[in-house]
Amino acid sequence: MNKQNYKEVSTIGRWGRMHGRYLKDNHPVRYTVLLLSGKLNGYLVEFDQQAKKQLELIVQQMAEREGVTEQLKLENQMKWVARMNNIQSRAAEIVNHDIIYN
């Protein structure tokens, strides 16, 4: 394959894979239609990107609302890490519930 014919292949990330399994298990007709039309991978890649953006936005909003700032990171790094891990976990649950399995 020469460079002119090379098309960049995007990989399906965590959120796209989870949604793909959800579709396959709970909406097999929709999954099969996407698969047979050749649109499944593109759909899941785009879905994954949207879920990542939503996760980032939720984490940012929660951190701002809860006062988890760069100042806290400078003053008490362990506390900042613990609070950010907690926020990340809660944000992932929101993405799972509202986006992946909905």
N, C-alpha and C. Protein backbone atom coordinates (compact mmCIF):
# COMPACT_ATOMS: atom_id res chain seq x y z
N MET A 1 0.86 -1.17 0.00
CA MET A 1 0.00 0.00 0.00
C MET A 1 0.90 1.23 0.00
N ASN A 2 0.69 2.12 -0.94
CA ASN A 2 1.51 3.33 -0.96
C ASN A 2 0.90 4.40 -0.08
N LYS A 3 1.65 5.48 0.12
CA LYS A 3 1.22 6.52 1.04
C LYS A 3 -0.03 7.25 0.57
N GLN A 4 -0.23 7.34 -0.74
CA GLN A 4 -1.41 8.04 -1.25
C GLN A 4 -2.70 7.30 -0.92
N ASN A 5 -2.65 5.97 -0.88
CA ASN A 5 -3.84 5.19 -0.61
C ASN A 5 -4.04 4.92 0.88
N TYR A 6 -3.06 5.30 1.69
CA TYR A 6 -3.15 5.05 3.13
C TYR A 6 -4.21 5.93 3.75
N LYS A 7 -5.11 5.32 4.45
CA LYS A 7 -6.16 6.04 5.16
C LYS A 7 -5.96 5.80 6.65
N GLU A 8 -5.92 6.88 7.42
CA GLU A 8 -5.72 6.75 8.86
C GLU A 8 -6.90 5.99 9.48
N VAL A 9 -6.56 5.00 10.27
CA VAL A 9 -7.57 4.19 10.93
C VAL A 9 -7.66 4.64 12.38
N SER A 10 -8.84 5.04 12.80
CA SER A 10 -9.05 5.43 14.19
C SER A 10 -9.44 4.20 14.99
N THR A 11 -8.94 4.14 16.20
CA THR A 11 -9.28 3.00 17.05
C THR A 11 -10.44 3.37 17.96
N ILE A 12 -11.19 2.37 18.30
CA ILE A 12 -12.34 2.56 19.19
C ILE A 12 -11.82 2.50 20.63
N GLY A 13 -12.08 3.54 21.38
CA GLY A 13 -11.61 3.60 22.76
C GLY A 13 -12.56 2.92 23.74
N ARG A 14 -12.26 3.13 25.00
CA ARG A 14 -13.00 2.50 26.10
C ARG A 14 -14.51 2.70 25.99
N TRP A 15 -14.93 3.96 25.82
CA TRP A 15 -16.36 4.27 25.82
C TRP A 15 -17.05 3.69 24.59
N GLY A 16 -16.38 3.73 23.46
CA GLY A 16 -16.95 3.17 22.25
C GLY A 16 -17.11 1.66 22.34
N ARG A 17 -16.12 1.00 22.93
CA ARG A 17 -16.21 -0.46 23.10
C ARG A 17 -17.35 -0.83 24.05
N MET A 18 -17.48 -0.06 25.12
CA MET A 18 -18.56 -0.34 26.08
C MET A 18 -19.93 -0.16 25.42
N HIS A 19 -20.06 0.91 24.65
CA HIS A 19 -21.34 1.16 23.98
C HIS A 19 -21.60 0.10 22.90
N GLY A 20 -20.54 -0.35 22.24
CA GLY A 20 -20.69 -1.41 21.25
C GLY A 20 -21.21 -2.69 21.87
N ARG A 21 -20.66 -3.06 23.03
CA ARG A 21 -21.16 -4.25 23.74
C ARG A 21 -22.61 -4.07 24.17
N TYR A 22 -22.92 -2.86 24.64
CA TYR A 22 -24.30 -2.57 25.04
C TYR A 22 -25.25 -2.72 23.85
N LEU A 23 -24.88 -2.16 22.71
CA LEU A 23 -25.73 -2.29 21.52
C LEU A 23 -25.89 -3.74 21.12
N LYS A 24 -24.80 -4.47 21.11
CA LYS A 24 -24.83 -5.87 20.69
C LYS A 24 -25.75 -6.70 21.61
N ASP A 25 -25.68 -6.44 22.91
CA ASP A 25 -26.46 -7.21 23.87
C ASP A 25 -27.92 -6.75 23.98
N ASN A 26 -28.17 -5.45 23.85
CA ASN A 26 -29.49 -4.91 24.13
C ASN A 26 -30.26 -4.39 22.92
N HIS A 27 -29.54 -4.10 21.85
CA HIS A 27 -30.17 -3.60 20.63
C HIS A 27 -29.55 -4.30 19.42
N PRO A 28 -29.73 -5.62 19.33
CA PRO A 28 -29.04 -6.39 18.30
C PRO A 28 -29.41 -5.99 16.87
N VAL A 29 -30.62 -5.54 16.64
CA VAL A 29 -30.99 -5.12 15.29
C VAL A 29 -30.22 -3.88 14.87
N ARG A 30 -30.18 -2.88 15.74
CA ARG A 30 -29.43 -1.66 15.45
C ARG A 30 -27.95 -1.97 15.25
N TYR A 31 -27.41 -2.82 16.12
CA TYR A 31 -26.01 -3.22 16.01
C TYR A 31 -25.75 -3.88 14.66
N THR A 32 -26.62 -4.81 14.26
CA THR A 32 -26.44 -5.55 13.01
C THR A 32 -26.56 -4.62 11.81
N VAL A 33 -27.50 -3.69 11.85
CA VAL A 33 -27.65 -2.73 10.74
C VAL A 33 -26.38 -1.90 10.59
N LEU A 34 -25.85 -1.39 11.70
CA LEU A 34 -24.61 -0.61 11.65
C LEU A 34 -23.45 -1.47 11.14
N LEU A 35 -23.38 -2.70 11.62
CA LEU A 35 -22.30 -3.60 11.23
C LEU A 35 -22.36 -3.92 9.74
N LEU A 36 -23.53 -4.30 9.25
CA LEU A 36 -23.67 -4.71 7.85
C LEU A 36 -23.55 -3.54 6.88
N SER A 37 -23.87 -2.34 7.35
CA SER A 37 -23.73 -1.17 6.49
C SER A 37 -22.31 -0.63 6.47
N GLY A 38 -21.44 -1.19 7.32
CA GLY A 38 -20.05 -0.74 7.38
C GLY A 38 -19.88 0.53 8.18
N LYS A 39 -20.88 0.91 8.94
CA LYS A 39 -20.83 2.16 9.70
C LYS A 39 -20.55 1.96 11.19
N LEU A 40 -20.46 0.73 11.64
CA LEU A 40 -20.32 0.48 13.08
C LEU A 40 -19.05 1.09 13.64
N ASN A 41 -17.91 0.83 13.02
CA ASN A 41 -16.65 1.34 13.57
C ASN A 41 -16.63 2.86 13.61
N GLY A 42 -17.05 3.51 12.53
CA GLY A 42 -17.09 4.97 12.51
C GLY A 42 -18.01 5.52 13.58
N TYR A 43 -19.16 4.88 13.74
CA TYR A 43 -20.13 5.30 14.75
C TYR A 43 -19.52 5.18 16.14
N LEU A 44 -18.85 4.05 16.41
CA LEU A 44 -18.28 3.84 17.75
C LEU A 44 -17.09 4.75 18.01
N VAL A 45 -16.30 5.05 16.99
CA VAL A 45 -15.17 5.98 17.16
C VAL A 45 -15.71 7.36 17.52
N GLU A 46 -16.71 7.82 16.78
CA GLU A 46 -17.29 9.14 17.07
C GLU A 46 -17.97 9.15 18.43
N PHE A 47 -18.67 8.08 18.76
CA PHE A 47 -19.32 7.97 20.06
C PHE A 47 -18.28 8.06 21.17
N ASP A 48 -17.16 7.36 21.00
CA ASP A 48 -16.08 7.38 21.99
C ASP A 48 -15.54 8.79 22.18
N GLN A 49 -15.33 9.51 21.09
CA GLN A 49 -14.81 10.87 21.18
C GLN A 49 -15.79 11.79 21.91
N GLN A 50 -17.07 11.64 21.61
CA GLN A 50 -18.08 12.46 22.29
C GLN A 50 -18.14 12.14 23.78
N ALA A 51 -18.06 10.87 24.12
CA ALA A 51 -18.09 10.48 25.54
C ALA A 51 -16.87 11.02 26.28
N LYS A 52 -15.69 10.99 25.63
CA LYS A 52 -14.48 11.55 26.25
C LYS A 52 -14.64 13.04 26.51
N LYS A 53 -15.17 13.75 25.54
CA LYS A 53 -15.38 15.20 25.71
C LYS A 53 -16.36 15.46 26.84
N GLN A 54 -17.42 14.68 26.90
CA GLN A 54 -18.41 14.84 27.97
C GLN A 54 -17.78 14.56 29.33
N LEU A 55 -16.96 13.52 29.42
CA LEU A 55 -16.28 13.20 30.66
C LEU A 55 -15.38 14.35 31.10
N GLU A 56 -14.61 14.89 30.18
CA GLU A 56 -13.72 16.01 30.50
C GLU A 56 -14.51 17.20 31.02
N LEU A 57 -15.63 17.49 30.37
CA LEU A 57 -16.46 18.62 30.78
C LEU A 57 -17.04 18.39 32.18
N ILE A 58 -17.53 17.20 32.43
CA ILE A 58 -18.10 16.89 33.75
C ILE A 58 -17.03 17.00 34.83
N VAL A 59 -15.84 16.46 34.57
CA VAL A 59 -14.74 16.53 35.55
C VAL A 59 -14.39 17.99 35.82
N GLN A 60 -14.27 18.78 34.78
CA GLN A 60 -13.93 20.19 34.94
C GLN A 60 -14.99 20.93 35.77
N GLN A 61 -16.25 20.68 35.46
CA GLN A 61 -17.33 21.36 36.20
C GLN A 61 -17.36 20.93 37.66
N MET A 62 -17.18 19.64 37.91
CA MET A 62 -17.21 19.15 39.30
C MET A 62 -16.02 19.72 40.08
N ALA A 63 -14.85 19.74 39.45
CA ALA A 63 -13.65 20.25 40.13
C ALA A 63 -13.84 21.72 40.48
N GLU A 64 -14.38 22.49 39.55
CA GLU A 64 -14.61 23.91 39.83
C GLU A 64 -15.62 24.08 40.96
N ARG A 65 -16.71 23.33 40.90
CA ARG A 65 -17.77 23.45 41.90
C ARG A 65 -17.27 23.05 43.29
N GLU A 66 -16.35 22.06 43.34
CA GLU A 66 -15.88 21.55 44.63
C GLU A 66 -14.56 22.19 45.10
N GLY A 67 -14.08 23.17 44.35
CA GLY A 67 -12.89 23.89 44.76
C GLY A 67 -11.59 23.11 44.62
N VAL A 68 -11.55 22.17 43.70
CA VAL A 68 -10.32 21.41 43.46
C VAL A 68 -9.55 22.18 42.39
N THR A 69 -8.58 22.99 42.86
CA THR A 69 -7.89 23.93 41.99
C THR A 69 -6.40 23.61 41.88
N GLU A 70 -5.74 24.35 41.01
CA GLU A 70 -4.28 24.23 40.89
C GLU A 70 -3.61 24.68 42.18
N GLN A 71 -4.22 25.61 42.88
CA GLN A 71 -3.69 26.07 44.16
C GLN A 71 -3.68 24.92 45.17
N LEU A 72 -4.76 24.16 45.22
CA LEU A 72 -4.81 23.00 46.10
C LEU A 72 -3.74 21.99 45.71
N LYS A 73 -3.54 21.82 44.41
CA LYS A 73 -2.52 20.90 43.91
C LYS A 73 -1.13 21.31 44.40
N LEU A 74 -0.87 22.62 44.42
CA LEU A 74 0.43 23.11 44.90
C LEU A 74 0.58 22.97 46.41
N GLU A 75 -0.51 23.20 47.13
CA GLU A 75 -0.45 23.18 48.59
C GLU A 75 -0.49 21.77 49.18
N ASN A 76 -1.31 20.89 48.60
CA ASN A 76 -1.49 19.56 49.17
C ASN A 76 -1.76 18.57 48.02
N GLN A 77 -0.68 18.09 47.44
CA GLN A 77 -0.80 17.26 46.25
C GLN A 77 -1.57 15.96 46.50
N MET A 78 -1.38 15.34 47.63
CA MET A 78 -2.08 14.08 47.92
C MET A 78 -3.58 14.31 48.05
N LYS A 79 -3.97 15.39 48.69
CA LYS A 79 -5.39 15.71 48.83
C LYS A 79 -5.99 15.99 47.45
N TRP A 80 -5.24 16.73 46.61
CA TRP A 80 -5.71 17.03 45.26
C TRP A 80 -5.91 15.74 44.46
N VAL A 81 -4.95 14.81 44.52
CA VAL A 81 -5.05 13.55 43.80
C VAL A 81 -6.25 12.75 44.28
N ALA A 82 -6.44 12.67 45.59
CA ALA A 82 -7.56 11.91 46.13
C ALA A 82 -8.89 12.51 45.67
N ARG A 83 -9.00 13.82 45.72
CA ARG A 83 -10.25 14.46 45.32
C ARG A 83 -10.49 14.34 43.81
N MET A 84 -9.43 14.46 43.02
CA MET A 84 -9.57 14.32 41.57
C MET A 84 -9.93 12.88 41.20
N ASN A 85 -9.36 11.90 41.89
CA ASN A 85 -9.72 10.51 41.64
C ASN A 85 -11.20 10.27 41.95
N ASN A 86 -11.66 10.86 43.03
CA ASN A 86 -13.07 10.75 43.39
C ASN A 86 -13.96 11.39 42.33
N ILE A 87 -13.57 12.55 41.87
CA ILE A 87 -14.33 13.25 40.83
C ILE A 87 -14.33 12.43 39.54
N GLN A 88 -13.17 11.90 39.15
CA GLN A 88 -13.07 11.08 37.93
C GLN A 88 -14.00 9.88 38.02
N SER A 89 -14.03 9.25 39.16
CA SER A 89 -14.87 8.07 39.35
C SER A 89 -16.34 8.43 39.23
N ARG A 90 -16.75 9.50 39.89
CA ARG A 90 -18.15 9.92 39.80
C ARG A 90 -18.53 10.35 38.40
N ALA A 91 -17.62 11.04 37.72
CA ALA A 91 -17.89 11.49 36.35
C ALA A 91 -18.03 10.29 35.42
N ALA A 92 -17.19 9.26 35.62
CA ALA A 92 -17.28 8.05 34.79
C ALA A 92 -18.62 7.36 35.01
N GLU A 93 -19.12 7.36 36.23
CA GLU A 93 -20.44 6.77 36.49
C GLU A 93 -21.54 7.54 35.78
N ILE A 94 -21.43 8.85 35.74
CA ILE A 94 -22.41 9.67 35.04
C ILE A 94 -22.38 9.36 33.55
N VAL A 95 -21.18 9.27 32.98
CA VAL A 95 -21.04 8.95 31.54
C VAL A 95 -21.61 7.57 31.28
N ASN A 96 -21.30 6.61 32.13
CA ASN A 96 -21.86 5.25 31.96
C ASN A 96 -23.38 5.29 31.96
N HIS A 97 -23.95 5.92 32.93
CA HIS A 97 -25.40 5.90 33.09
C HIS A 97 -26.11 6.73 32.01
N ASP A 98 -25.63 7.92 31.77
CA ASP A 98 -26.36 8.84 30.90
C ASP A 98 -26.02 8.69 29.41
N ILE A 99 -24.84 8.19 29.10
CA ILE A 99 -24.43 8.17 27.69
C ILE A 99 -24.27 6.74 27.17
N ILE A 100 -23.48 5.94 27.83
CA ILE A 100 -23.16 4.59 27.32
C ILE A 100 -24.38 3.69 27.32
N TYR A 101 -25.08 3.64 28.43
CA TYR A 101 -26.18 2.70 28.58
C TYR A 101 -27.55 3.36 28.47
N ASN A 102 -27.64 4.37 27.64
CA ASN A 102 -28.91 5.07 27.49
C ASN A 102 -29.28 5.14 26.03
